[in-house]
């Protein structure tokens, strides 16, 4: 199942605030399994907001140098940066040993329609 066993580390190189598009997460949302995907969205990776409970969403504001770790299935998003300040945050994704490396897999957009 997509996202199971994957963890993400988001390293904040700059201060992140709601104003510059800080990450929002829905704690515990990973327990329900993969969220339903919006099949009309071009990447096929965004969730269907109307079918996803986001009432418990929290905005993660943090100073530069902080790191946020979260499971791959946690519903998350970041908003637009409405400031003149940078919001640089590399994401490092970790997966269990034995899974194929992403770089070695062909990108096939038609497979996005198979995601839940």
N, C-alpha and C. Protein backbone atom coordinates (compact mmCIF):
# COMPACT_ATOMS: atom_id res chain seq x y z
N UNK A 1 0.85 -1.17 0.00
CA UNK A 1 0.00 0.00 0.00
C UNK A 1 0.90 1.24 0.00
N UNK A 2 0.58 2.20 -0.81
CA UNK A 2 1.40 3.40 -0.95
C UNK A 2 1.56 4.11 0.38
N UNK A 3 2.80 4.48 0.71
CA UNK A 3 3.05 5.27 1.90
C UNK A 3 3.28 4.48 3.18
N UNK A 4 2.89 3.21 3.22
CA UNK A 4 3.08 2.43 4.44
C UNK A 4 4.57 2.18 4.65
N UNK A 5 5.01 2.36 5.88
CA UNK A 5 6.40 2.12 6.22
C UNK A 5 7.33 3.25 5.82
N UNK A 6 6.80 4.32 5.27
CA UNK A 6 7.61 5.46 4.86
C UNK A 6 7.53 6.54 5.93
N UNK A 7 8.67 7.13 6.24
CA UNK A 7 8.72 8.26 7.18
C UNK A 7 9.40 9.42 6.48
N UNK A 8 8.98 10.62 6.83
CA UNK A 8 9.56 11.83 6.23
C UNK A 8 10.16 12.69 7.33
N UNK A 9 11.35 13.22 7.05
CA UNK A 9 11.99 14.21 7.92
C UNK A 9 12.04 15.51 7.14
N UNK A 10 11.43 16.54 7.69
CA UNK A 10 11.41 17.85 7.05
C UNK A 10 12.33 18.76 7.87
N UNK A 11 13.39 19.24 7.24
CA UNK A 11 14.39 20.06 7.92
C UNK A 11 14.15 21.52 7.54
N UNK A 12 13.90 22.35 8.53
CA UNK A 12 13.60 23.75 8.28
C UNK A 12 14.89 24.56 8.24
N UNK A 13 15.26 25.03 7.06
CA UNK A 13 16.46 25.85 6.90
C UNK A 13 16.17 27.31 7.23
N UNK A 14 14.91 27.68 7.21
CA UNK A 14 14.47 29.03 7.53
C UNK A 14 13.35 28.92 8.57
N UNK A 15 13.11 30.02 9.28
CA UNK A 15 11.95 30.05 10.18
C UNK A 15 10.69 29.81 9.36
N UNK A 16 9.79 28.98 9.86
CA UNK A 16 8.52 28.75 9.16
C UNK A 16 7.37 29.24 10.04
N UNK A 17 6.48 29.98 9.40
CA UNK A 17 5.32 30.54 10.09
C UNK A 17 4.09 30.32 9.21
N UNK A 18 2.93 30.56 9.77
CA UNK A 18 1.71 30.46 8.96
C UNK A 18 1.79 31.41 7.77
N UNK A 19 2.40 32.56 7.95
CA UNK A 19 2.50 33.54 6.88
C UNK A 19 3.34 33.11 5.70
N UNK A 20 4.38 32.30 5.96
CA UNK A 20 5.19 31.85 4.83
C UNK A 20 4.90 30.40 4.43
N UNK A 21 3.71 29.94 4.80
CA UNK A 21 3.23 28.65 4.31
C UNK A 21 3.66 27.45 5.11
N UNK A 22 3.74 27.57 6.41
CA UNK A 22 4.15 26.44 7.26
C UNK A 22 3.32 25.20 6.97
N UNK A 23 3.92 24.05 7.20
CA UNK A 23 3.25 22.77 6.98
C UNK A 23 2.07 22.63 7.93
N UNK A 24 0.98 22.09 7.42
CA UNK A 24 -0.16 21.72 8.25
C UNK A 24 -0.27 20.20 8.19
N UNK A 25 -0.46 19.58 9.35
CA UNK A 25 -0.63 18.13 9.40
C UNK A 25 -1.92 17.81 10.15
N UNK A 26 -2.45 16.62 9.87
CA UNK A 26 -3.63 16.13 10.59
C UNK A 26 -3.14 14.97 11.46
N UNK A 27 -2.82 15.24 12.73
CA UNK A 27 -2.31 14.18 13.60
C UNK A 27 -3.26 12.99 13.65
N UNK A 28 -2.67 11.79 13.56
CA UNK A 28 -3.44 10.57 13.63
C UNK A 28 -4.10 10.14 12.33
N UNK A 29 -4.05 10.97 11.31
CA UNK A 29 -4.73 10.63 10.05
C UNK A 29 -4.13 9.39 9.38
N UNK A 30 -2.90 9.06 9.69
CA UNK A 30 -2.26 7.88 9.09
C UNK A 30 -2.92 6.58 9.56
N UNK A 31 -3.61 6.61 10.68
CA UNK A 31 -4.24 5.39 11.20
C UNK A 31 -5.39 4.90 10.32
N UNK A 32 -5.95 5.79 9.51
CA UNK A 32 -7.07 5.42 8.64
C UNK A 32 -6.60 4.86 7.29
N UNK A 33 -5.28 4.77 7.10
CA UNK A 33 -4.75 4.30 5.82
C UNK A 33 -4.69 5.45 4.83
N UNK A 34 -4.37 5.15 3.57
CA UNK A 34 -4.23 6.22 2.57
C UNK A 34 -5.53 7.01 2.41
N UNK A 35 -5.40 8.33 2.37
CA UNK A 35 -6.56 9.20 2.14
C UNK A 35 -6.98 9.10 0.68
N UNK A 36 -8.28 9.28 0.39
CA UNK A 36 -8.75 9.22 -1.00
C UNK A 36 -8.11 10.33 -1.84
N UNK A 37 -7.67 9.98 -3.03
CA UNK A 37 -6.98 10.93 -3.91
C UNK A 37 -7.95 11.63 -4.85
N UNK A 38 -7.62 12.88 -5.17
CA UNK A 38 -8.42 13.68 -6.12
C UNK A 38 -7.98 13.33 -7.53
N UNK A 39 -8.80 12.57 -8.23
CA UNK A 39 -8.44 12.09 -9.57
C UNK A 39 -8.51 13.19 -10.63
N UNK A 40 -9.08 14.34 -10.29
CA UNK A 40 -9.15 15.44 -11.26
C UNK A 40 -7.94 16.36 -11.15
N UNK A 41 -7.15 16.22 -10.08
CA UNK A 41 -5.98 17.05 -9.88
C UNK A 41 -4.85 16.51 -10.76
N UNK A 42 -4.12 17.37 -11.45
CA UNK A 42 -3.14 16.90 -12.45
C UNK A 42 -2.11 15.89 -11.95
N UNK A 43 -1.60 16.02 -10.72
CA UNK A 43 -0.59 15.07 -10.27
C UNK A 43 -1.21 13.79 -9.74
N UNK A 44 -2.48 13.85 -9.35
CA UNK A 44 -3.13 12.68 -8.77
C UNK A 44 -2.68 12.38 -7.35
N UNK A 45 -1.95 13.29 -6.73
CA UNK A 45 -1.43 13.05 -5.38
C UNK A 45 -2.18 13.78 -4.28
N UNK A 46 -3.01 14.76 -4.63
CA UNK A 46 -3.73 15.51 -3.60
C UNK A 46 -4.95 14.74 -3.13
N UNK A 47 -5.27 14.90 -1.84
CA UNK A 47 -6.42 14.20 -1.30
C UNK A 47 -7.71 14.93 -1.63
N UNK A 48 -8.81 14.20 -1.58
CA UNK A 48 -10.13 14.79 -1.78
C UNK A 48 -10.53 15.42 -0.46
N UNK A 49 -10.52 16.74 -0.41
CA UNK A 49 -10.79 17.44 0.84
C UNK A 49 -12.16 17.09 1.40
N UNK A 50 -13.15 16.95 0.55
CA UNK A 50 -14.51 16.67 1.01
C UNK A 50 -14.63 15.28 1.63
N UNK A 51 -13.70 14.38 1.32
CA UNK A 51 -13.75 13.01 1.85
C UNK A 51 -12.65 12.75 2.88
N UNK A 52 -11.99 13.83 3.32
CA UNK A 52 -10.89 13.68 4.26
C UNK A 52 -11.16 14.54 5.48
N UNK A 53 -11.13 13.92 6.65
CA UNK A 53 -11.38 14.65 7.89
C UNK A 53 -10.12 15.43 8.26
N UNK A 54 -10.18 16.75 8.11
CA UNK A 54 -9.04 17.60 8.42
C UNK A 54 -9.33 18.53 9.61
N UNK A 55 -10.39 18.22 10.36
CA UNK A 55 -10.78 19.08 11.49
C UNK A 55 -9.69 19.24 12.53
N UNK A 56 -8.85 18.25 12.70
CA UNK A 56 -7.79 18.33 13.71
C UNK A 56 -6.48 18.87 13.19
N UNK A 57 -6.48 19.48 12.01
CA UNK A 57 -5.23 19.97 11.41
C UNK A 57 -4.55 20.99 12.31
N UNK A 58 -3.23 20.89 12.37
CA UNK A 58 -2.43 21.85 13.13
C UNK A 58 -1.36 22.43 12.21
N UNK A 59 -1.04 23.68 12.43
CA UNK A 59 0.02 24.35 11.69
C UNK A 59 1.31 24.22 12.47
N UNK A 60 2.35 23.75 11.80
CA UNK A 60 3.64 23.53 12.45
C UNK A 60 4.54 24.73 12.17
N UNK A 61 4.66 25.61 13.14
CA UNK A 61 5.57 26.74 13.04
C UNK A 61 6.83 26.37 13.81
N UNK A 62 8.00 26.70 13.24
CA UNK A 62 9.25 26.29 13.89
C UNK A 62 10.39 27.20 13.46
N UNK A 63 11.39 27.33 14.33
CA UNK A 63 12.55 28.13 13.95
C UNK A 63 13.49 27.34 13.02
N UNK A 64 14.30 28.07 12.28
CA UNK A 64 15.31 27.44 11.43
C UNK A 64 16.14 26.48 12.27
N UNK A 65 16.49 25.34 11.67
CA UNK A 65 17.27 24.33 12.38
C UNK A 65 16.42 23.23 12.98
N UNK A 66 15.11 23.41 13.02
CA UNK A 66 14.21 22.39 13.55
C UNK A 66 14.00 21.29 12.52
N UNK A 67 13.62 20.11 13.00
CA UNK A 67 13.29 18.99 12.12
C UNK A 67 11.97 18.40 12.58
N UNK A 68 11.09 18.13 11.62
CA UNK A 68 9.80 17.49 11.89
C UNK A 68 9.82 16.11 11.25
N UNK A 69 9.49 15.09 12.03
CA UNK A 69 9.39 13.72 11.52
C UNK A 69 7.93 13.32 11.53
N UNK A 70 7.47 12.70 10.41
CA UNK A 70 6.08 12.25 10.37
C UNK A 70 5.93 11.06 9.44
N UNK A 71 4.95 10.18 9.71
CA UNK A 71 4.69 9.03 8.84
C UNK A 71 4.21 9.48 7.47
N UNK A 72 4.55 8.73 6.44
CA UNK A 72 4.19 9.08 5.07
C UNK A 72 2.69 9.19 4.83
N UNK A 73 1.88 8.48 5.59
CA UNK A 73 0.43 8.51 5.37
C UNK A 73 -0.28 9.64 6.11
N UNK A 74 0.45 10.42 6.91
CA UNK A 74 -0.19 11.54 7.60
C UNK A 74 -0.62 12.57 6.55
N UNK A 75 -1.88 12.96 6.60
CA UNK A 75 -2.38 13.99 5.67
C UNK A 75 -1.66 15.30 6.02
N UNK A 76 -1.05 15.90 5.00
CA UNK A 76 -0.29 17.13 5.22
C UNK A 76 -0.33 18.00 3.98
N UNK A 77 -0.07 19.28 4.18
CA UNK A 77 0.01 20.23 3.08
C UNK A 77 0.72 21.48 3.58
N UNK A 78 1.19 22.26 2.64
CA UNK A 78 1.72 23.57 3.01
C UNK A 78 1.07 24.60 2.10
N UNK A 79 0.90 25.78 2.64
CA UNK A 79 0.26 26.85 1.89
C UNK A 79 1.28 27.69 1.14
N UNK A 80 0.79 28.68 0.42
CA UNK A 80 1.70 29.56 -0.32
C UNK A 80 2.49 30.46 0.63
N UNK A 81 3.67 30.84 0.20
CA UNK A 81 4.49 31.77 0.95
C UNK A 81 4.04 33.18 0.58
N UNK A 82 3.41 33.86 1.51
CA UNK A 82 2.88 35.21 1.25
C UNK A 82 3.79 36.31 1.83
N UNK A 83 5.05 35.94 2.06
CA UNK A 83 6.00 36.90 2.61
C UNK A 83 7.16 37.06 1.62
N UNK A 84 8.06 37.93 1.93
CA UNK A 84 9.26 38.10 1.13
C UNK A 84 10.42 37.27 1.64
N UNK A 85 10.17 36.43 2.65
CA UNK A 85 11.22 35.59 3.25
C UNK A 85 11.21 34.19 2.64
N UNK A 86 12.38 33.58 2.62
CA UNK A 86 12.48 32.20 2.13
C UNK A 86 11.79 31.23 3.07
N UNK A 87 11.39 30.09 2.53
CA UNK A 87 10.86 28.97 3.32
C UNK A 87 11.46 27.71 2.72
N UNK A 88 12.72 27.51 2.98
CA UNK A 88 13.43 26.36 2.43
C UNK A 88 13.35 25.19 3.42
N UNK A 89 12.90 24.05 2.92
CA UNK A 89 12.72 22.88 3.78
C UNK A 89 12.90 21.61 2.96
N UNK A 90 14.11 21.06 2.92
CA UNK A 90 14.26 19.78 2.23
C UNK A 90 13.51 18.69 2.97
N UNK A 91 12.98 17.75 2.21
CA UNK A 91 12.26 16.60 2.77
C UNK A 91 13.09 15.35 2.49
N UNK A 92 13.37 14.62 3.54
CA UNK A 92 14.10 13.36 3.42
C UNK A 92 13.12 12.24 3.71
N UNK A 93 12.94 11.34 2.78
CA UNK A 93 11.99 10.24 2.96
C UNK A 93 12.75 8.95 3.20
N UNK A 94 12.32 8.22 4.21
CA UNK A 94 12.95 6.96 4.58
C UNK A 94 11.95 5.83 4.38
N UNK A 95 12.44 4.70 3.89
CA UNK A 95 11.57 3.55 3.66
C UNK A 95 12.28 2.29 4.12
N UNK A 96 11.52 1.22 4.34
CA UNK A 96 12.13 -0.03 4.83
C UNK A 96 13.12 -0.61 3.83
N UNK A 97 14.11 -1.31 4.36
CA UNK A 97 15.07 -2.00 3.52
C UNK A 97 14.34 -3.00 2.62
N UNK A 98 14.83 -3.15 1.42
CA UNK A 98 14.23 -4.10 0.49
C UNK A 98 13.24 -3.49 -0.48
N UNK A 99 12.75 -2.29 -0.17
CA UNK A 99 11.86 -1.60 -1.11
C UNK A 99 12.70 -1.05 -2.25
N UNK A 100 12.16 -1.03 -3.47
CA UNK A 100 12.94 -0.45 -4.57
C UNK A 100 13.16 1.04 -4.35
N UNK A 101 14.33 1.51 -4.75
CA UNK A 101 14.62 2.93 -4.63
C UNK A 101 13.82 3.71 -5.67
N UNK A 102 13.29 4.85 -5.27
CA UNK A 102 12.48 5.67 -6.15
C UNK A 102 13.22 6.04 -7.42
N UNK A 103 14.51 6.35 -7.30
CA UNK A 103 15.29 6.76 -8.47
C UNK A 103 15.37 5.64 -9.51
N UNK A 104 15.22 4.41 -9.08
CA UNK A 104 15.31 3.28 -10.00
C UNK A 104 13.98 2.88 -10.61
N UNK A 105 12.91 3.55 -10.25
CA UNK A 105 11.59 3.21 -10.76
C UNK A 105 11.20 4.17 -11.87
N UNK A 106 10.55 3.66 -12.91
CA UNK A 106 10.09 4.57 -13.96
C UNK A 106 8.89 5.38 -13.46
N UNK A 107 8.84 6.64 -13.86
CA UNK A 107 7.67 7.47 -13.52
C UNK A 107 6.60 7.18 -14.54
N UNK A 108 5.45 6.72 -14.09
CA UNK A 108 4.35 6.40 -14.99
C UNK A 108 3.09 7.05 -14.44
N UNK A 109 2.73 8.19 -15.03
CA UNK A 109 1.58 8.97 -14.56
C UNK A 109 0.29 8.15 -14.52
N UNK A 110 0.17 7.19 -15.42
CA UNK A 110 -1.07 6.40 -15.44
C UNK A 110 -1.25 5.58 -14.16
N UNK A 111 -0.17 5.32 -13.43
CA UNK A 111 -0.28 4.58 -12.18
C UNK A 111 -0.87 5.44 -11.06
N UNK A 112 -0.83 6.74 -11.20
CA UNK A 112 -1.40 7.60 -10.17
C UNK A 112 -2.88 7.34 -9.97
N UNK A 113 -3.55 6.94 -11.04
CA UNK A 113 -4.99 6.66 -10.92
C UNK A 113 -5.26 5.43 -10.05
N UNK A 114 -4.24 4.62 -9.80
CA UNK A 114 -4.41 3.44 -8.96
C UNK A 114 -4.29 3.75 -7.48
N UNK A 115 -3.80 4.97 -7.14
CA UNK A 115 -3.65 5.32 -5.73
C UNK A 115 -5.01 5.51 -5.09
N UNK A 116 -5.13 5.10 -3.82
CA UNK A 116 -6.42 5.32 -3.15
C UNK A 116 -6.66 6.78 -2.88
